[in-house]
Amino acid sequence: MNPAIGILGWIIIGALAGWIGSKLMGTDSRQGPIANIVIGVLGAVVGGFVTRFLFGDNPGNNGYIASFLVALLGSCVVILGWQALSRRRA
């Protein structure tokens, strides 16, 4: 597979996961599309590490739906972490 297609796919999956995660967490009105992409991609990384640690998951074996669900879960965790840090500073 072409690496550029893979990167583009991860950006699209990350953007969708970040957007839906921000909707679920009630932070969509405070975030813009760039923040959704960043949170979604960070969520995919966090989710990937967690699933690999817990289940010995090989990310090369996942399909788009499993990757999306992992990114969505990870984006919710990233949003919770960000909220906890921002509350602590205030």
PDB file of N, CA and C in Angstrom:
ATOM      1  N   MET A   1       0.840  -1.171   0.000  1.00  0.00           N
ATOM      2  CA  MET A   1       0.000   0.000   0.000  1.00  0.00           C
ATOM      3  C   MET A   1       0.889   1.239   0.000  1.00  0.00           C
ATOM      4  N   ASN A   2       0.442   2.245  -0.686  1.00  0.00           N
ATOM      5  CA  ASN A   2       1.151   3.505  -0.772  1.00  0.00           C
ATOM      6  C   ASN A   2       1.145   4.187   0.601  1.00  0.00           C
ATOM      7  N   PRO A   3       2.325   4.580   1.131  1.00  0.00           N
ATOM      8  CA  PRO A   3       2.363   5.206   2.461  1.00  0.00           C
ATOM      9  C   PRO A   3       1.549   6.490   2.546  1.00  0.00           C
ATOM     10  N   ALA A   4       1.482   7.252   1.454  1.00  0.00           N
ATOM     11  CA  ALA A   4       0.703   8.497   1.483  1.00  0.00           C
ATOM     12  C   ALA A   4      -0.777   8.200   1.690  1.00  0.00           C
ATOM     13  N   ILE A   5      -1.271   7.113   1.084  1.00  0.00           N
ATOM     14  CA  ILE A   5      -2.667   6.722   1.269  1.00  0.00           C
ATOM     15  C   ILE A   5      -2.896   6.325   2.724  1.00  0.00           C
ATOM     16  N   GLY A   6      -1.959   5.596   3.322  1.00  0.00           N
ATOM     17  CA  GLY A   6      -2.085   5.196   4.718  1.00  0.00           C
ATOM     18  C   GLY A   6      -2.128   6.391   5.650  1.00  0.00           C
ATOM     19  N   ILE A   7      -1.268   7.364   5.423  1.00  0.00           N
ATOM     20  CA  ILE A   7      -1.244   8.562   6.251  1.00  0.00           C
ATOM     21  C   ILE A   7      -2.537   9.339   6.087  1.00  0.00           C
ATOM     22  N   LEU A   8      -2.996   9.474   4.853  1.00  0.00           N
ATOM     23  CA  LEU A   8      -4.255  10.174   4.606  1.00  0.00           C
ATOM     24  C   LEU A   8      -5.414   9.443   5.283  1.00  0.00           C
ATOM     25  N   GLY A   9      -5.415   8.137   5.215  1.00  0.00           N
ATOM     26  CA  GLY A   9      -6.456   7.351   5.884  1.00  0.00           C
ATOM     27  C   GLY A   9      -6.453   7.571   7.387  1.00  0.00           C
ATOM     28  N   TRP A  10      -5.263   7.616   7.997  1.00  0.00           N
ATOM     29  CA  TRP A  10      -5.171   7.851   9.438  1.00  0.00           C
ATOM     30  C   TRP A  10      -5.634   9.246   9.804  1.00  0.00           C
ATOM     31  N   ILE A  11      -5.350  10.227   8.946  1.00  0.00           N
ATOM     32  CA  ILE A  11      -5.825  11.584   9.218  1.00  0.00           C
ATOM     33  C   ILE A  11      -7.345  11.626   9.155  1.00  0.00           C
ATOM     34  N   ILE A  12      -7.924  10.956   8.163  1.00  0.00           N
ATOM     35  CA  ILE A  12      -9.388  10.933   8.040  1.00  0.00           C
ATOM     36  C   ILE A  12     -10.009  10.193   9.221  1.00  0.00           C
ATOM     37  N   ILE A  13      -9.469   9.029   9.564  1.00  0.00           N
ATOM     38  CA  ILE A  13      -9.980   8.280  10.713  1.00  0.00           C
ATOM     39  C   ILE A  13      -9.801   9.103  11.987  1.00  0.00           C
ATOM     40  N   GLY A  14      -8.647   9.745  12.137  1.00  0.00           N
ATOM     41  CA  GLY A  14      -8.398  10.574  13.315  1.00  0.00           C
ATOM     42  C   GLY A  14      -9.354  11.751  13.403  1.00  0.00           C
ATOM     43  N   ALA A  15      -9.614  12.394  12.261  1.00  0.00           N
ATOM     44  CA  ALA A  15     -10.538  13.534  12.256  1.00  0.00           C
ATOM     45  C   ALA A  15     -11.934  13.096  12.655  1.00  0.00           C
ATOM     46  N   LEU A  16     -12.391  12.002  12.097  1.00  0.00           N
ATOM     47  CA  LEU A  16     -13.728  11.498  12.453  1.00  0.00           C
ATOM     48  C   LEU A  16     -13.795  11.074  13.915  1.00  0.00           C
ATOM     49  N   ALA A  17     -12.776  10.366  14.375  1.00  0.00           N
ATOM     50  CA  ALA A  17     -12.764   9.920  15.765  1.00  0.00           C
ATOM     51  C   ALA A  17     -12.692  11.104  16.721  1.00  0.00           C
ATOM     52  N   GLY A  18     -11.871  12.097  16.390  1.00  0.00           N
ATOM     53  CA  GLY A  18     -11.770  13.283  17.237  1.00  0.00           C
ATOM     54  C   GLY A  18     -13.066  14.072  17.272  1.00  0.00           C
ATOM     55  N   TRP A  19     -13.710  14.197  16.118  1.00  0.00           N
ATOM     56  CA  TRP A  19     -14.977  14.936  16.052  1.00  0.00           C
ATOM     57  C   TRP A  19     -16.071  14.224  16.843  1.00  0.00           C
ATOM     58  N   ILE A  20     -16.217  12.920  16.625  1.00  0.00           N
ATOM     59  CA  ILE A  20     -17.246  12.167  17.346  1.00  0.00           C
ATOM     60  C   ILE A  20     -16.910  12.102  18.832  1.00  0.00           C
ATOM     61  N   GLY A  21     -15.628  11.951  19.161  1.00  0.00           N
ATOM     62  CA  GLY A  21     -15.223  11.962  20.569  1.00  0.00           C
ATOM     63  C   GLY A  21     -15.550  13.282  21.241  1.00  0.00           C
ATOM     64  N   SER A  22     -15.324  14.389  20.518  1.00  0.00           N
ATOM     65  CA  SER A  22     -15.644  15.703  21.100  1.00  0.00           C
ATOM     66  C   SER A  22     -17.149  15.884  21.239  1.00  0.00           C
ATOM     67  N   LYS A  23     -17.930  15.296  20.336  1.00  0.00           N
ATOM     68  CA  LYS A  23     -19.393  15.331  20.473  1.00  0.00           C
ATOM     69  C   LYS A  23     -19.823  14.525  21.708  1.00  0.00           C
ATOM     70  N   LEU A  24     -19.253  13.330  21.869  1.00  0.00           N
ATOM     71  CA  LEU A  24     -19.596  12.481  23.014  1.00  0.00           C
ATOM     72  C   LEU A  24     -19.195  13.127  24.338  1.00  0.00           C
ATOM     73  N   MET A  25     -18.065  13.821  24.343  1.00  0.00           N
ATOM     74  CA  MET A  25     -17.544  14.414  25.572  1.00  0.00           C
ATOM     75  C   MET A  25     -18.063  15.835  25.799  1.00  0.00           C
ATOM     76  N   GLY A  26     -18.831  16.376  24.858  1.00  0.00           N
ATOM     77  CA  GLY A  26     -19.411  17.700  25.016  1.00  0.00           C
ATOM     78  C   GLY A  26     -18.435  18.845  24.850  1.00  0.00           C
ATOM     79  N   THR A  27     -17.353  18.627  24.092  1.00  0.00           N
ATOM     80  CA  THR A  27     -16.349  19.683  23.911  1.00  0.00           C
ATOM     81  C   THR A  27     -16.294  20.203  22.482  1.00  0.00           C
ATOM     82  N   ASP A  28     -17.221  19.813  21.645  1.00  0.00           N
ATOM     83  CA  ASP A  28     -17.158  20.178  20.229  1.00  0.00           C
ATOM     84  C   ASP A  28     -17.254  21.687  20.022  1.00  0.00           C
ATOM     85  N   SER A  29     -18.045  22.385  20.828  1.00  0.00           N
ATOM     86  CA  SER A  29     -18.217  23.826  20.639  1.00  0.00           C
ATOM     87  C   SER A  29     -16.948  24.598  20.984  1.00  0.00           C
ATOM     88  N   ARG A  30     -16.045  24.011  21.762  1.00  0.00           N
ATOM     89  CA  ARG A  30     -14.797  24.679  22.140  1.00  0.00           C
ATOM     90  C   ARG A  30     -13.637  24.312  21.235  1.00  0.00           C
ATOM     91  N   GLN A  31     -13.806  23.319  20.389  1.00  0.00           N
ATOM     92  CA  GLN A  31     -12.739  22.837  19.519  1.00  0.00           C
ATOM     93  C   GLN A  31     -13.068  23.158  18.074  1.00  0.00           C
ATOM     94  N   GLY A  32     -12.032  23.336  17.301  1.00  0.00           N
ATOM     95  CA  GLY A  32     -12.200  23.501  15.872  1.00  0.00           C
ATOM     96  C   GLY A  32     -11.816  22.227  15.152  1.00  0.00           C
ATOM     97  N   PRO A  33     -11.883  22.226  13.827  1.00  0.00           N
ATOM     98  CA  PRO A  33     -11.562  21.020  13.071  1.00  0.00           C
ATOM     99  C   PRO A  33     -10.110  20.568  13.225  1.00  0.00           C
ATOM    100  N   ILE A  34      -9.186  21.512  13.349  1.00  0.00           N
ATOM    101  CA  ILE A  34      -7.776  21.120  13.521  1.00  0.00           C
ATOM    102  C   ILE A  34      -7.587  20.419  14.863  1.00  0.00           C
ATOM    103  N   ALA A  35      -8.220  20.950  15.914  1.00  0.00           N
ATOM    104  CA  ALA A  35      -8.125  20.306  17.230  1.00  0.00           C
ATOM    105  C   ALA A  35      -8.750  18.914  17.192  1.00  0.00           C
ATOM    106  N   ASN A  36      -9.844  18.750  16.449  1.00  0.00           N
ATOM    107  CA  ASN A  36     -10.454  17.424  16.320  1.00  0.00           C
ATOM    108  C   ASN A  36      -9.491  16.445  15.663  1.00  0.00           C
ATOM    109  N   ILE A  37      -8.792  16.882  14.623  1.00  0.00           N
ATOM    110  CA  ILE A  37      -7.837  16.005  13.947  1.00  0.00           C
ATOM    111  C   ILE A  37      -6.698  15.638  14.889  1.00  0.00           C
ATOM    112  N   VAL A  38      -6.153  16.639  15.572  1.00  0.00           N
ATOM    113  CA  VAL A  38      -5.032  16.388  16.480  1.00  0.00           C
ATOM    114  C   VAL A  38      -5.456  15.448  17.605  1.00  0.00           C
ATOM    115  N   ILE A  39      -6.611  15.709  18.206  1.00  0.00           N
ATOM    116  CA  ILE A  39      -7.096  14.845  19.292  1.00  0.00           C
ATOM    117  C   ILE A  39      -7.379  13.440  18.780  1.00  0.00           C
ATOM    118  N   GLY A  40      -7.954  13.337  17.577  1.00  0.00           N
ATOM    119  CA  GLY A  40      -8.230  12.021  17.015  1.00  0.00           C
ATOM    120  C   GLY A  40      -6.969  11.227  16.727  1.00  0.00           C
ATOM    121  N   VAL A  41      -5.946  11.886  16.171  1.00  0.00           N
ATOM    122  CA  VAL A  41      -4.689  11.189  15.882  1.00  0.00           C
ATOM    123  C   VAL A  41      -3.981  10.827  17.183  1.00  0.00           C
ATOM    124  N   LEU A  42      -3.955  11.760  18.147  1.00  0.00           N
ATOM    125  CA  LEU A  42      -3.388  11.424  19.459  1.00  0.00           C
ATOM    126  C   LEU A  42      -4.174  10.284  20.105  1.00  0.00           C
ATOM    127  N   GLY A  43      -5.489  10.322  19.950  1.00  0.00           N
ATOM    128  CA  GLY A  43      -6.325   9.250  20.490  1.00  0.00           C
ATOM    129  C   GLY A  43      -6.023   7.913  19.840  1.00  0.00           C
ATOM    130  N   ALA A  44      -5.754   7.933  18.544  1.00  0.00           N
ATOM    131  CA  ALA A  44      -5.406   6.691  17.850  1.00  0.00           C
ATOM    132  C   ALA A  44      -4.088   6.131  18.381  1.00  0.00           C
ATOM    133  N   VAL A  45      -3.144   7.017  18.636  1.00  0.00           N
ATOM    134  CA  VAL A  45      -1.858   6.572  19.180  1.00  0.00           C
ATOM    135  C   VAL A  45      -2.044   6.012  20.586  1.00  0.00           C
ATOM    136  N   VAL A  46      -2.757   6.758  21.431  1.00  0.00           N
ATOM    137  CA  VAL A  46      -3.009   6.298  22.798  1.00  0.00           C
ATOM    138  C   VAL A  46      -3.782   4.980  22.780  1.00  0.00           C
ATOM    139  N   GLY A  47      -4.846   4.922  21.995  1.00  0.00           N
ATOM    140  CA  GLY A  47      -5.631   3.695  21.896  1.00  0.00           C
ATOM    141  C   GLY A  47      -4.826   2.528  21.360  1.00  0.00           C
ATOM    142  N   GLY A  48      -3.964   2.796  20.399  1.00  0.00           N
ATOM    143  CA  GLY A  48      -3.113   1.745  19.846  1.00  0.00           C
ATOM    144  C   GLY A  48      -2.158   1.176  20.877  1.00  0.00           C
ATOM    145  N   PHE A  49      -1.547   2.061  21.680  1.00  0.00           N
ATOM    146  CA  PHE A  49      -0.643   1.588  22.731  1.00  0.00           C
ATOM    147  C   PHE A  49      -1.399   0.789  23.789  1.00  0.00           C
ATOM    148  N   VAL A  50      -2.573   1.258  24.165  1.00  0.00           N
ATOM    149  CA  VAL A  50      -3.357   0.569  25.197  1.00  0.00           C
ATOM    150  C   VAL A  50      -3.796  -0.811  24.711  1.00  0.00           C
ATOM    151  N   THR A  51      -4.331  -0.884  23.483  1.00  0.00           N
ATOM    152  CA  THR A  51      -4.779  -2.192  22.993  1.00  0.00           C
ATOM    153  C   THR A  51      -3.605  -3.135  22.772  1.00  0.00           C
ATOM    154  N   ARG A  52      -2.472  -2.602  22.334  1.00  0.00           N
ATOM    155  CA  ARG A  52      -1.303  -3.465  22.158  1.00  0.00           C
ATOM    156  C   ARG A  52      -0.825  -3.977  23.508  1.00  0.00           C
ATOM    157  N   PHE A  53      -0.833  -3.111  24.527  1.00  0.00           N
ATOM    158  CA  PHE A  53      -0.405  -3.519  25.867  1.00  0.00           C
ATOM    159  C   PHE A  53      -1.359  -4.543  26.471  1.00  0.00           C
ATOM    160  N   LEU A  54      -2.655  -4.292  26.360  1.00  0.00           N
ATOM    161  CA  LEU A  54      -3.640  -5.173  26.993  1.00  0.00           C
ATOM    162  C   LEU A  54      -3.856  -6.482  26.247  1.00  0.00           C
ATOM    163  N   PHE A  55      -3.886  -6.406  24.919  1.00  0.00           N
ATOM    164  CA  PHE A  55      -4.277  -7.572  24.128  1.00  0.00           C
ATOM    165  C   PHE A  55      -3.181  -8.106  23.224  1.00  0.00           C
ATOM    166  N   GLY A  56      -2.008  -7.495  23.239  1.00  0.00           N
ATOM    167  CA  GLY A  56      -0.971  -7.916  22.315  1.00  0.00           C
ATOM    168  C   GLY A  56      -1.387  -7.684  20.880  1.00  0.00           C
ATOM    169  N   ASP A  57      -2.154  -6.640  20.680  1.00  0.00           N
ATOM    170  CA  ASP A  57      -2.769  -6.337  19.392  1.00  0.00           C
ATOM    171  C   ASP A  57      -1.721  -5.929  18.368  1.00  0.00           C
ATOM    172  N   ASN A  58      -1.838  -6.454  17.174  1.00  0.00           N
ATOM    173  CA  ASN A  58      -0.985  -6.052  16.057  1.00  0.00           C
ATOM    174  C   ASN A  58      -1.778  -5.092  15.186  1.00  0.00           C
ATOM    175  N   PRO A  59      -1.391  -3.802  15.131  1.00  0.00           N
ATOM    176  CA  PRO A  59      -2.194  -2.828  14.395  1.00  0.00           C
ATOM    177  C   PRO A  59      -2.297  -3.125  12.907  1.00  0.00           C
ATOM    178  N   GLY A  60      -1.388  -3.904  12.365  1.00  0.00           N
ATOM    179  CA  GLY A  60      -1.456  -4.256  10.957  1.00  0.00           C
ATOM    180  C   GLY A  60      -2.602  -5.204  10.643  1.00  0.00           C
ATOM    181  N   ASN A  61      -3.142  -5.868  11.650  1.00  0.00           N
ATOM    182  CA  ASN A  61      -4.228  -6.822  11.440  1.00  0.00           C
ATOM    183  C   ASN A  61      -5.607  -6.208  11.597  1.00  0.00           C
ATOM    184  N   ASN A  62      -5.679  -4.965  12.051  1.00  0.00           N
ATOM    185  CA  ASN A  62      -6.967  -4.322  12.286  1.00  0.00           C
ATOM    186  C   ASN A  62      -7.526  -3.767  10.991  1.00  0.00           C
ATOM    187  N   GLY A  63      -8.826  -3.770  10.878  1.00  0.00           N
ATOM    188  CA  GLY A  63      -9.484  -3.121   9.762  1.00  0.00           C
ATOM    189  C   GLY A  63      -9.789  -1.681  10.118  1.00  0.00           C
ATOM    190  N   TYR A  64     -10.457  -1.000   9.217  1.00  0.00           N
ATOM    191  CA  TYR A  64     -10.767   0.407   9.445  1.00  0.00           C
ATOM    192  C   TYR A  64     -11.750   0.600  10.597  1.00  0.00           C
ATOM    193  N   ILE A  65     -12.702  -0.318  10.744  1.00  0.00           N
ATOM    194  CA  ILE A  65     -13.692  -0.164  11.819  1.00  0.00           C
ATOM    195  C   ILE A  65     -13.031  -0.329  13.178  1.00  0.00           C
ATOM    196  N   ALA A  66     -12.202  -1.352  13.338  1.00  0.00           N
ATOM    197  CA  ALA A  66     -11.503  -1.548  14.613  1.00  0.00           C
ATOM    198  C   ALA A  66     -10.557  -0.390  14.882  1.00  0.00           C
ATOM    199  N   SER A  67      -9.871   0.091  13.868  1.00  0.00           N
ATOM    200  CA  SER A  67      -8.975   1.231  14.039  1.00  0.00           C
ATOM    201  C   SER A  67      -9.756   2.471  14.448  1.00  0.00           C
ATOM    202  N   PHE A  68     -10.916   2.674  13.850  1.00  0.00           N
ATOM    203  CA  PHE A  68     -11.746   3.819  14.199  1.00  0.00           C
ATOM    204  C   PHE A  68     -12.212   3.730  15.647  1.00  0.00           C
ATOM    205  N   LEU A  69     -12.665   2.561  16.068  1.00  0.00           N
ATOM    206  CA  LEU A  69     -13.143   2.399  17.438  1.00  0.00           C
ATOM    207  C   LEU A  69     -12.021   2.618  18.456  1.00  0.00           C
ATOM    208  N   VAL A  70     -10.828   2.129  18.145  1.00  0.00           N
ATOM    209  CA  VAL A  70      -9.684   2.353  19.026  1.00  0.00           C
ATOM    210  C   VAL A  70      -9.356   3.843  19.079  1.00  0.00           C
ATOM    211  N   ALA A  71      -9.375   4.518  17.922  1.00  0.00           N
ATOM    212  CA  ALA A  71      -9.100   5.955  17.880  1.00  0.00           C
ATOM    213  C   ALA A  71     -10.175   6.743  18.622  1.00  0.00           C
ATOM    214  N   LEU A  72     -11.427   6.326  18.511  1.00  0.00           N
ATOM    215  CA  LEU A  72     -12.520   7.002  19.210  1.00  0.00           C
ATOM    216  C   LEU A  72     -12.359   6.862  20.717  1.00  0.00           C
ATOM    217  N   LEU A  73     -12.085   5.671  21.183  1.00  0.00           N
ATOM    218  CA  LEU A  73     -11.864   5.459  22.608  1.00  0.00           C
ATOM    219  C   LEU A  73     -10.663   6.267  23.092  1.00  0.00           C
ATOM    220  N   GLY A  74      -9.601   6.222  22.311  1.00  0.00           N
ATOM    221  CA  GLY A  74      -8.406   6.982  22.680  1.00  0.00           C
ATOM    222  C   GLY A  74      -8.651   8.477  22.687  1.00  0.00           C
ATOM    223  N   SER A  75      -9.442   8.983  21.747  1.00  0.00           N
ATOM    224  CA  SER A  75      -9.712  10.419  21.719  1.00  0.00           C
ATOM    225  C   SER A  75     -10.526  10.841  22.938  1.00  0.00           C
ATOM    226  N   CYS A  76     -11.437   9.999  23.385  1.00  0.00           N
ATOM    227  CA  CYS A  76     -12.188  10.311  24.612  1.00  0.00           C
ATOM    228  C   CYS A  76     -11.251  10.349  25.816  1.00  0.00           C
ATOM    229  N   VAL A  77     -10.277   9.442  25.859  1.00  0.00           N
ATOM    230  CA  VAL A  77      -9.299   9.435  26.951  1.00  0.00           C
ATOM    231  C   VAL A  77      -8.445  10.702  26.895  1.00  0.00           C
ATOM    232  N   VAL A  78      -8.023  11.103  25.693  1.00  0.00           N
ATOM    233  CA  VAL A  78      -7.222  12.323  25.546  1.00  0.00           C
ATOM    234  C   VAL A  78      -8.028  13.547  25.985  1.00  0.00           C
ATOM    235  N   ILE A  79      -9.301  13.613  25.613  1.00  0.00           N
ATOM    236  CA  ILE A  79     -10.141  14.739  26.018  1.00  0.00           C
ATOM    237  C   ILE A  79     -10.304  14.766  27.543  1.00  0.00           C
ATOM    238  N   LEU A  80     -10.527  13.606  28.155  1.00  0.00           N
ATOM    239  CA  LEU A  80     -10.628  13.547  29.621  1.00  0.00           C
ATOM    240  C   LEU A  80      -9.340  14.022  30.282  1.00  0.00           C
ATOM    241  N   GLY A  81      -8.207  13.589  29.736  1.00  0.00           N
ATOM    242  CA  GLY A  81      -6.914  14.017  30.274  1.00  0.00           C
ATOM    243  C   GLY A  81      -6.720  15.516  30.141  1.00  0.00           C
ATOM    244  N   TRP A  82      -7.096  16.063  28.989  1.00  0.00           N
ATOM    245  CA  TRP A  82      -6.966  17.499  28.770  1.00  0.00           C
ATOM    246  C   TRP A  82      -7.869  18.276  29.732  1.00  0.00           C
ATOM    247  N   GLN A  83      -9.091  17.791  29.932  1.00  0.00           N
ATOM    248  CA  GLN A  83     -10.003  18.452  30.861  1.00  0.00           C
ATOM    249  C   GLN A  83      -9.451  18.412  32.283  1.00  0.00           C
ATOM    250  N   ALA A  84      -8.879  17.294  32.685  1.00  0.00           N
ATOM    251  CA  ALA A  84      -8.313  17.178  34.031  1.00  0.00           C
ATOM    252  C   ALA A  84      -7.137  18.137  34.207  1.00  0.00           C
ATOM    253  N   LEU A  85      -6.288  18.240  33.198  1.00  0.00           N
ATOM    254  CA  LEU A  85      -5.146  19.156  33.286  1.00  0.00           C
ATOM    255  C   LEU A  85      -5.587  20.609  33.301  1.00  0.00           C
ATOM    256  N   SER A  86      -6.568  20.947  32.489  1.00  0.00           N
ATOM    257  CA  SER A  86      -7.005  22.339  32.428  1.00  0.00           C
ATOM    258  C   SER A  86      -7.759  22.737  33.703  1.00  0.00           C
ATOM    259  N   ARG A  87      -8.450  21.824  34.341  1.00  0.00           N
ATOM    260  CA  ARG A  87      -9.113  22.125  35.624  1.00  0.00           C
ATOM    261  C   ARG A  87      -8.092  22.340  36.727  1.00  0.00           C
ATOM    262  N   ARG A  88      -7.018  21.560  36.668  1.00  0.00           N
ATOM    263  CA  ARG A  88      -5.989  21.647  37.707  1.00  0.00           C
ATOM    264  C   ARG A  88      -5.286  23.004  37.644  1.00  0.00           C
ATOM    265  N   ARG A  89      -5.078  23.527  36.424  1.00  0.00           N
ATOM    266  CA  ARG A  89      -4.414  24.829  36.250  1.00  0.00           C
ATOM    267  C   ARG A  89      -5.293  25.982  36.677  1.00  0.00           C
ATOM    268  N   ALA A  90      -6.592  25.838  36.527  1.00  0.00           N
ATOM    269  CA  ALA A  90      -7.514  26.960  36.810  1.00  0.00           C
ATOM    270  C   ALA A  90      -7.787  27.153  38.271  1.00  0.00           C
TER     271      ALA A  90
END
